[in-house]
C-alpha cells in the first residue's frame, strides 16, 4: 500500500509580518500545495492521502476558506483524502468540521471526527484516526489505539496530531502529548 502523509496546511493563515499583497500570495501557495500533493499521489501511484490535522489555521474560518481546500481535493477524484482535526481546527460544536459536514464533503474526502477504526479502500489496512476535540488536551489523543479492534492480518496505521516530546520545563502540562511508545503498544505499522 502506498500513501502520502501530510499535515499542518493551516489554510486561512494570516501572515501578520508581511503586506496585504504578499499575504494573498502566501495563502494561495498553501492552496496550491494541495494540488501538488494530489499530482504527486497520482504520479507515484499513492491514491490515499492522510492529513494529520490543522487543515485550517483557525476554528473560525470563513465559508469561502472552508471550501477552498475541498475544491482542490475534489479536483483529484482518483485520490482519497483522509482528514482529522488538529489543535488549530479542533472538532467542536459549531466549528469548521460541523460546518463542513453540513455543507457536505466531496465524494473522495473523508473527515474522521471520532476515534474509530476505518477500513481503507484496499481492505488490507485499518486507519486509526485520533481527531482533536480541543485545542489543548492533557490526555494522549492516541491512547485508545492500544485497544482498537482490527483484523489481525491488516496493517494498522495511526493518524494523530500532537507532539511526542514536551517543550519547556513542565512536561506534565504539555497539551496533545503522544506517547512515543504508542506505535509498538498499538501494533501500528
C-alpha atoms as a PDB file:
ATOM      1  CA  UNK A   1       0.000   0.000   0.000  1.00  0.00           C
ATOM      2  CA  UNK A   2       1.281   3.447  -0.924  1.00  0.00           C
ATOM      3  CA  UNK A   3       0.051   6.658   0.620  1.00  0.00           C
ATOM      4  CA  UNK A   4       1.142  10.234   1.221  1.00  0.00           C
ATOM      5  CA  UNK A   5       1.177  11.658   4.744  1.00  0.00           C
ATOM      6  CA  UNK A   6       0.935  15.398   5.330  1.00  0.00           C
ATOM      7  CA  UNK A   7      -0.275  17.859   7.970  1.00  0.00           C
ATOM      8  CA  UNK A   8      -0.420  21.482   9.042  1.00  0.00           C
ATOM      9  CA  UNK A   9      -1.789  23.063   5.877  1.00  0.00           C
ATOM     10  CA  UNK A  10      -3.250  25.843   8.054  1.00  0.00           C
ATOM     11  CA  UNK A  11      -5.445  27.195   5.270  1.00  0.00           C
ATOM     12  CA  UNK A  12      -6.565  30.755   6.001  1.00  0.00           C
ATOM     13  CA  UNK A  13      -3.436  31.641   7.939  1.00  0.00           C
ATOM     14  CA  UNK A  14      -2.949  35.363   8.360  1.00  0.00           C
ATOM     15  CA  UNK A  15       0.681  36.338   7.935  1.00  0.00           C
ATOM     16  CA  UNK A  16       0.934  39.471  10.078  1.00  0.00           C
ATOM     17  CA  UNK A  17       4.591  40.115   9.248  1.00  0.00           C
ATOM     18  CA  UNK A  18       4.046  40.891   5.534  1.00  0.00           C
ATOM     19  CA  UNK A  19       1.999  43.340   3.454  1.00  0.00           C
ATOM     20  CA  UNK A  20      -1.512  42.529   2.161  1.00  0.00           C
ATOM     21  CA  UNK A  21      -0.393  41.604  -1.364  1.00  0.00           C
ATOM     22  CA  UNK A  22       2.137  39.129  -0.012  1.00  0.00           C
ATOM     23  CA  UNK A  23      -0.469  37.612   2.338  1.00  0.00           C
ATOM     24  CA  UNK A  24      -2.555  36.688  -0.708  1.00  0.00           C
ATOM     25  CA  UNK A  25       0.432  35.094  -2.433  1.00  0.00           C
ATOM     26  CA  UNK A  26       1.305  33.046   0.659  1.00  0.00           C
ATOM     27  CA  UNK A  27      -2.292  31.914   1.165  1.00  0.00           C
ATOM     28  CA  UNK A  28      -2.568  30.859  -2.485  1.00  0.00           C
ATOM     29  CA  UNK A  29       0.713  28.928  -2.188  1.00  0.00           C
ATOM     30  CA  UNK A  30      -0.795  26.885   0.663  1.00  0.00           C
ATOM     31  CA  UNK A  31      -3.781  26.011  -1.525  1.00  0.00           C
ATOM     32  CA  UNK A  32      -1.525  25.166  -4.460  1.00  0.00           C
ATOM     33  CA  UNK A  33       0.363  22.759  -2.180  1.00  0.00           C
ATOM     34  CA  UNK A  34      -2.825  20.661  -2.002  1.00  0.00           C
ATOM     35  CA  UNK A  35      -2.863  20.380  -5.794  1.00  0.00           C
ATOM     36  CA  UNK A  36       0.830  19.438  -5.757  1.00  0.00           C
ATOM     37  CA  UNK A  37       0.096  16.703  -3.224  1.00  0.00           C
ATOM     38  CA  UNK A  38      -2.723  15.424  -5.440  1.00  0.00           C
ATOM     39  CA  UNK A  39      -0.443  15.378  -8.502  1.00  0.00           C
ATOM     40  CA  UNK A  40       2.272  13.552  -6.539  1.00  0.00           C
ATOM     41  CA  UNK A  41      -0.261  10.991  -5.349  1.00  0.00           C
ATOM     42  CA  UNK A  42      -1.235  10.286  -8.954  1.00  0.00           C
ATOM     43  CA  UNK A  43       2.338  10.250 -10.280  1.00  0.00           C
ATOM     44  CA  UNK A  44       3.543   7.839  -7.595  1.00  0.00           C
ATOM     45  CA  UNK A  45       0.504   5.526  -7.561  1.00  0.00           C
ATOM     46  CA  UNK A  46      -0.296   6.542  -3.985  1.00  0.00           C
ATOM     47  CA  UNK A  47      -4.075   7.014  -4.173  1.00  0.00           C
ATOM     48  CA  UNK A  48      -4.514   7.662  -0.445  1.00  0.00           C
ATOM     49  CA  UNK A  49      -3.538  10.916   1.275  1.00  0.00           C
ATOM     50  CA  UNK A  50      -3.556  11.088   5.079  1.00  0.00           C
ATOM     51  CA  UNK A  51      -3.777  14.606   6.527  1.00  0.00           C
ATOM     52  CA  UNK A  52      -2.893  14.677  10.231  1.00  0.00           C
ATOM     53  CA  UNK A  53      -4.679  17.812  11.358  1.00  0.00           C
ATOM     54  CA  UNK A  54      -4.583  21.571  11.113  1.00  0.00           C
ATOM     55  CA  UNK A  55      -6.150  21.693   7.684  1.00  0.00           C
ATOM     56  CA  UNK A  56      -7.376  25.154   8.751  1.00  0.00           C
ATOM     57  CA  UNK A  57      -5.465  27.719  10.749  1.00  0.00           C
ATOM     58  CA  UNK A  58      -8.392  28.819  12.914  1.00  0.00           C
ATOM     59  CA  UNK A  59     -11.659  27.349  14.145  1.00  0.00           C
ATOM     60  CA  UNK A  60     -13.492  30.448  12.899  1.00  0.00           C
ATOM     61  CA  UNK A  61     -12.590  30.126   9.209  1.00  0.00           C
ATOM     62  CA  UNK A  62     -14.949  31.872   6.794  1.00  0.00           C
ATOM     63  CA  UNK A  63     -17.151  29.792   4.477  1.00  0.00           C
ATOM     64  CA  UNK A  64     -15.002  30.649   1.457  1.00  0.00           C
ATOM     65  CA  UNK A  65     -11.889  29.491   3.315  1.00  0.00           C
ATOM     66  CA  UNK A  66     -13.619  26.242   4.337  1.00  0.00           C
ATOM     67  CA  UNK A  67     -14.462  25.421   0.735  1.00  0.00           C
ATOM     68  CA  UNK A  68     -11.108  26.180  -0.873  1.00  0.00           C
ATOM     69  CA  UNK A  69      -9.190  23.035   0.165  1.00  0.00           C
ATOM     70  CA  UNK A  70     -12.258  20.871  -0.513  1.00  0.00           C
ATOM     71  CA  UNK A  71     -12.359  22.087  -4.114  1.00  0.00           C
ATOM     72  CA  UNK A  72      -8.635  21.420  -4.528  1.00  0.00           C
ATOM     73  CA  UNK A  73      -9.116  17.848  -3.277  1.00  0.00           C
ATOM     74  CA  UNK A  74     -12.243  17.340  -5.392  1.00  0.00           C
ATOM     75  CA  UNK A  75     -10.082  18.012  -8.474  1.00  0.00           C
ATOM     76  CA  UNK A  76      -8.359  14.643  -7.848  1.00  0.00           C
ATOM     77  CA  UNK A  77     -11.258  12.156  -7.876  1.00  0.00           C
ATOM     78  CA  UNK A  78      -8.907   9.150  -8.040  1.00  0.00           C
ATOM     79  CA  UNK A  79      -7.258  10.176  -4.760  1.00  0.00           C
ATOM     80  CA  UNK A  80      -8.950   9.526  -1.415  1.00  0.00           C
ATOM     81  CA  UNK A  81      -8.160  12.142   1.221  1.00  0.00           C
ATOM     82  CA  UNK A  82      -8.468  11.231   4.935  1.00  0.00           C
ATOM     83  CA  UNK A  83      -8.550  14.263   7.261  1.00  0.00           C
ATOM     84  CA  UNK A  84      -8.552  14.728  11.029  1.00  0.00           C
ATOM     85  CA  UNK A  85      -8.947  17.929  13.049  1.00  0.00           C
ATOM     86  CA  UNK A  86      -5.823  19.238  14.767  1.00  0.00           C
ATOM     87  CA  UNK A  87      -5.311  21.771  17.531  1.00  0.00           C
ATOM     88  CA  UNK A  88      -5.868  24.811  15.267  1.00  0.00           C
ATOM     89  CA  UNK A  89      -9.147  23.438  13.874  1.00  0.00           C
ATOM     90  CA  UNK A  90     -10.316  21.146  16.686  1.00  0.00           C
ATOM     91  CA  UNK A  91     -13.682  19.443  16.209  1.00  0.00           C
ATOM     92  CA  UNK A  92     -16.131  21.338  18.413  1.00  0.00           C
ATOM     93  CA  UNK A  93     -19.849  22.113  18.101  1.00  0.00           C
ATOM     94  CA  UNK A  94     -20.350  24.884  15.553  1.00  0.00           C
ATOM     95  CA  UNK A  95     -16.700  24.706  14.472  1.00  0.00           C
ATOM     96  CA  UNK A  96     -15.290  24.227  10.989  1.00  0.00           C
ATOM     97  CA  UNK A  97     -15.864  20.476  10.890  1.00  0.00           C
ATOM     98  CA  UNK A  98     -19.535  20.768  11.858  1.00  0.00           C
ATOM     99  CA  UNK A  99     -19.948  23.432   9.192  1.00  0.00           C
ATOM    100  CA  UNK A 100     -18.170  21.306   6.584  1.00  0.00           C
ATOM    101  CA  UNK A 101     -20.288  18.260   7.352  1.00  0.00           C
ATOM    102  CA  UNK A 102     -23.481  20.318   6.960  1.00  0.00           C
ATOM    103  CA  UNK A 103     -22.244  21.555   3.572  1.00  0.00           C
ATOM    104  CA  UNK A 104     -21.163  18.086   2.510  1.00  0.00           C
ATOM    105  CA  UNK A 105     -17.742  16.839   1.541  1.00  0.00           C
ATOM    106  CA  UNK A 106     -16.571  15.773  -1.907  1.00  0.00           C
ATOM    107  CA  UNK A 107     -17.029  12.031  -2.516  1.00  0.00           C
ATOM    108  CA  UNK A 108     -13.268  11.451  -2.284  1.00  0.00           C
ATOM    109  CA  UNK A 109     -12.795  13.272   1.053  1.00  0.00           C
ATOM    110  CA  UNK A 110     -13.300  11.642   4.446  1.00  0.00           C
ATOM    111  CA  UNK A 111     -13.378  13.638   7.676  1.00  0.00           C
ATOM    112  CA  UNK A 112     -12.664  11.418  10.672  1.00  0.00           C
ATOM    113  CA  UNK A 113     -14.274  13.180  13.615  1.00  0.00           C
ATOM    114  CA  UNK A 114     -14.150  10.427  16.201  1.00  0.00           C
ATOM    115  CA  UNK A 115     -11.559   7.865  17.231  1.00  0.00           C
ATOM    116  CA  UNK A 116     -12.734   4.688  15.498  1.00  0.00           C
ATOM    117  CA  UNK A 117     -11.009   2.232  13.145  1.00  0.00           C
ATOM    118  CA  UNK A 118     -11.749   2.727   9.455  1.00  0.00           C
ATOM    119  CA  UNK A 119     -11.027   0.264   6.661  1.00  0.00           C
ATOM    120  CA  UNK A 120      -9.007   1.840   3.890  1.00  0.00           C
ATOM    121  CA  UNK A 121     -10.085   1.262   0.300  1.00  0.00           C
ATOM    122  CA  UNK A 122      -7.734  -1.618  -0.413  1.00  0.00           C
ATOM    123  CA  UNK A 123      -9.159  -3.610   2.520  1.00  0.00           C
ATOM    124  CA  UNK A 124      -5.703  -4.542   3.817  1.00  0.00           C
ATOM    125  CA  UNK A 125      -5.276  -1.636   6.210  1.00  0.00           C
ATOM    126  CA  UNK A 126      -7.125  -0.025   9.078  1.00  0.00           C
ATOM    127  CA  UNK A 127      -6.749   3.665   9.742  1.00  0.00           C
ATOM    128  CA  UNK A 128      -6.857   4.619  13.424  1.00  0.00           C
ATOM    129  CA  UNK A 129      -7.650   8.358  13.401  1.00  0.00           C
ATOM    130  CA  UNK A 130      -7.262  10.444  16.548  1.00  0.00           C
ATOM    131  CA  UNK A 131      -9.048  13.743  15.893  1.00  0.00           C
ATOM    132  CA  UNK A 132      -8.617  16.534  18.402  1.00  0.00           C
ATOM    133  CA  UNK A 133     -11.740  17.959  20.016  1.00  0.00           C
ATOM    134  CA  UNK A 134      -9.902  20.689  21.916  1.00  0.00           C
ATOM    135  CA  UNK A 135      -7.032  22.968  21.095  1.00  0.00           C
ATOM    136  CA  UNK A 136      -5.256  21.769  24.233  1.00  0.00           C
ATOM    137  CA  UNK A 137      -5.907  18.420  25.857  1.00  0.00           C
ATOM    138  CA  UNK A 138      -3.780  16.944  28.620  1.00  0.00           C
ATOM    139  CA  UNK A 139      -4.622  13.378  27.647  1.00  0.00           C
ATOM    140  CA  UNK A 140      -2.840  11.413  24.939  1.00  0.00           C
ATOM    141  CA  UNK A 141      -5.210  11.501  21.939  1.00  0.00           C
ATOM    142  CA  UNK A 142      -3.841   8.147  20.743  1.00  0.00           C
ATOM    143  CA  UNK A 143      -4.366   6.145  23.954  1.00  0.00           C
ATOM    144  CA  UNK A 144      -7.471   4.450  22.508  1.00  0.00           C
ATOM    145  CA  UNK A 145      -5.387   2.828  19.742  1.00  0.00           C
ATOM    146  CA  UNK A 146      -3.960   0.140  22.045  1.00  0.00           C
ATOM    147  CA  UNK A 147      -7.399  -1.495  22.323  1.00  0.00           C
ATOM    148  CA  UNK A 148      -8.760  -0.594  18.866  1.00  0.00           C
ATOM    149  CA  UNK A 149     -10.083  -3.678  17.099  1.00  0.00           C
ATOM    150  CA  UNK A 150      -8.952  -4.616  13.619  1.00  0.00           C
ATOM    151  CA  UNK A 151      -8.458  -7.962  11.910  1.00  0.00           C
ATOM    152  CA  UNK A 152      -5.078  -9.474  12.740  1.00  0.00           C
ATOM    153  CA  UNK A 153      -3.959  -9.643   9.127  1.00  0.00           C
ATOM    154  CA  UNK A 154      -4.418  -5.944   8.385  1.00  0.00           C
ATOM    155  CA  UNK A 155      -1.964  -3.095   8.621  1.00  0.00           C
ATOM    156  CA  UNK A 156      -2.740  -0.641  11.425  1.00  0.00           C
ATOM    157  CA  UNK A 157      -1.991   2.980  10.551  1.00  0.00           C
ATOM    158  CA  UNK A 158      -2.263   5.628  13.260  1.00  0.00           C
ATOM    159  CA  UNK A 159      -3.179   9.180  12.285  1.00  0.00           C
ATOM    160  CA  UNK A 160      -2.795  11.801  15.006  1.00  0.00           C
ATOM    161  CA  UNK A 161      -1.868  15.410  15.651  1.00  0.00           C
ATOM    162  CA  UNK A 162       0.323  16.308  18.613  1.00  0.00           C
ATOM    163  CA  UNK A 163       3.850  16.102  19.982  1.00  0.00           C
ATOM    164  CA  UNK A 164       5.955  13.149  21.074  1.00  0.00           C
ATOM    165  CA  UNK A 165       8.205  15.230  23.287  1.00  0.00           C
ATOM    166  CA  UNK A 166       7.391  18.003  25.704  1.00  0.00           C
ATOM    167  CA  UNK A 167       8.509  21.556  25.153  1.00  0.00           C
ATOM    168  CA  UNK A 168       9.631  23.683  28.053  1.00  0.00           C
ATOM    169  CA  UNK A 169      10.040  22.678  31.658  1.00  0.00           C
ATOM    170  CA  UNK A 170       6.534  21.426  32.521  1.00  0.00           C
ATOM    171  CA  UNK A 171       6.095  18.156  30.623  1.00  0.00           C
ATOM    172  CA  UNK A 172       3.090  17.184  32.759  1.00  0.00           C
ATOM    173  CA  UNK A 173       1.026  20.030  31.313  1.00  0.00           C
ATOM    174  CA  UNK A 174       2.121  19.585  27.673  1.00  0.00           C
ATOM    175  CA  UNK A 175      -1.042  19.541  25.543  1.00  0.00           C
ATOM    176  CA  UNK A 176      -1.715  16.799  22.982  1.00  0.00           C
ATOM    177  CA  UNK A 177       1.333  14.815  24.059  1.00  0.00           C
ATOM    178  CA  UNK A 178       1.560  11.444  22.266  1.00  0.00           C
ATOM    179  CA  UNK A 179       3.376   8.576  23.941  1.00  0.00           C
ATOM    180  CA  UNK A 180       6.346   7.705  21.680  1.00  0.00           C
ATOM    181  CA  UNK A 181       5.823   4.012  22.569  1.00  0.00           C
ATOM    182  CA  UNK A 182       2.306   4.083  21.084  1.00  0.00           C
ATOM    183  CA  UNK A 183       3.254   2.518  17.716  1.00  0.00           C
ATOM    184  CA  UNK A 184       4.727  -0.559  19.410  1.00  0.00           C
ATOM    185  CA  UNK A 185       1.947  -0.926  22.003  1.00  0.00           C
ATOM    186  CA  UNK A 186      -0.871  -0.409  19.494  1.00  0.00           C
ATOM    187  CA  UNK A 187       0.712  -2.610  16.824  1.00  0.00           C
ATOM    188  CA  UNK A 188       0.907   0.214  14.302  1.00  0.00           C
ATOM    189  CA  UNK A 189       2.641  -0.343  11.007  1.00  0.00           C
END
